Amino acid sequence: MLEFRNARQRADAKEQAVRLHVQFAPESMVSKRRVAVALLKAIPAFYDAVKRPLVTESISPSLIKFLERVGFKSSRGNDYIYEVAKEKSA
């Protein structure tokens, strides 16, 4: 299950991120691989739709490793942020 909510993420109040609250079903109900495949598709698609950084919190070493492979970067505390660098205009 994914829940999306607006949340202030940065010291600059003009910047807003969408906070992802993620809850995983037990492995007896859904495999880690199936969840990973779904997240690999959903994260970039959701980012493209909202056009704002995505932020999530984790203390799970395996989830953090996955987030970093997807493109999340460590932010503050246990937060990890996903944002695509904006292309510079010529």
Protein backbone atom coordinates (compact mmCIF):
# COMPACT_ATOMS: atom_id res chain seq x y z
CA MET A 1 0.00 0.00 0.00
CA LEU A 2 1.26 3.50 -0.81
CA GLU A 3 -0.09 6.69 0.67
CA PHE A 4 0.83 10.07 -0.85
CA ARG A 5 0.64 13.26 1.18
CA ASN A 6 2.04 16.79 0.77
CA ALA A 7 4.77 17.56 3.28
CA ARG A 8 7.19 20.44 3.75
CA GLN A 9 10.64 18.92 3.26
CA ARG A 10 13.21 21.69 3.05
CA ALA A 11 14.18 24.73 5.05
CA ASP A 12 13.03 26.85 2.09
CA ALA A 13 9.27 27.05 2.65
CA LYS A 14 8.70 27.59 -1.09
CA GLU A 15 9.95 24.06 -1.84
CA GLN A 16 7.48 21.25 -1.27
CA ALA A 17 7.93 17.53 -1.48
CA VAL A 18 5.39 14.75 -1.58
CA ARG A 19 5.96 12.39 1.32
CA LEU A 20 5.52 8.70 0.57
CA HIS A 21 4.24 6.61 3.45
CA VAL A 22 4.83 2.99 2.52
CA GLN A 23 3.50 -0.05 4.30
CA PHE A 24 4.47 -3.49 3.04
CA ALA A 25 2.26 -6.56 3.23
CA PRO A 26 3.77 -9.67 4.82
CA GLU A 27 5.98 -11.73 2.50
CA SER A 28 3.48 -14.56 2.88
CA MET A 29 1.03 -12.38 0.91
CA VAL A 30 3.31 -10.74 -1.66
CA SER A 31 6.91 -11.35 -2.66
CA LYS A 32 9.62 -8.72 -2.20
CA ARG A 33 10.35 -9.05 -5.94
CA ARG A 34 6.78 -8.19 -6.88
CA VAL A 35 6.83 -5.14 -4.59
CA ALA A 36 10.22 -4.03 -5.98
CA VAL A 37 9.02 -4.32 -9.58
CA ALA A 38 5.90 -2.29 -8.76
CA LEU A 39 7.94 0.42 -6.99
CA LEU A 40 10.44 0.60 -9.88
CA LYS A 41 7.54 1.52 -12.15
CA ALA A 42 5.50 3.60 -9.71
CA ILE A 43 8.17 5.93 -8.31
CA PRO A 44 9.28 7.53 -11.61
CA ALA A 45 5.69 7.64 -12.90
CA PHE A 46 4.44 9.34 -9.75
CA TYR A 47 7.35 11.80 -9.80
CA ASP A 48 6.54 12.69 -13.43
CA ALA A 49 2.90 13.25 -12.48
CA VAL A 50 3.45 15.50 -9.46
CA LYS A 51 6.60 17.32 -10.71
CA ARG A 52 7.89 17.64 -7.14
CA PRO A 53 10.51 15.81 -5.09
CA LEU A 54 9.40 12.63 -3.34
CA VAL A 55 10.55 11.94 0.21
CA THR A 56 10.22 8.86 2.37
CA GLU A 57 11.59 7.70 5.70
CA SER A 58 13.27 4.39 6.44
CA ILE A 59 15.54 2.72 8.98
CA SER A 60 15.53 -0.63 7.16
CA PRO A 61 18.99 -1.29 5.66
CA SER A 62 17.54 -3.39 2.82
CA LEU A 63 14.91 -0.77 1.93
CA ILE A 64 17.50 2.03 2.10
CA LYS A 65 19.76 0.08 -0.26
CA PHE A 66 16.82 -0.35 -2.66
CA LEU A 67 15.88 3.34 -2.43
CA GLU A 68 19.44 4.38 -3.22
CA ARG A 69 19.53 2.06 -6.26
CA VAL A 70 16.30 3.67 -7.50
CA GLY A 71 17.80 7.16 -7.13
CA PHE A 72 16.84 8.37 -3.67
CA LYS A 73 19.52 10.32 -1.79
CA SER A 74 19.96 10.63 1.97
CA SER A 75 18.38 13.85 3.20
CA ARG A 76 17.81 14.64 6.88
CA GLY A 77 17.65 12.11 9.67
CA ASN A 78 16.04 8.97 8.27
CA ASP A 79 14.58 10.74 5.21
CA TYR A 80 15.49 9.89 1.63
CA ILE A 81 14.60 12.18 -1.27
CA TYR A 82 14.00 11.46 -4.96
CA GLU A 83 14.26 14.27 -7.44
CA VAL A 84 15.44 14.43 -11.00
CA ALA A 85 17.97 17.15 -11.77
CA LYS A 86 16.43 19.94 -13.81
CA GLU A 87 17.99 20.47 -17.21
CA LYS A 88 19.62 23.85 -17.71
CA SER A 89 18.25 26.01 -20.51
CA ALA A 90 20.71 27.10 -23.16
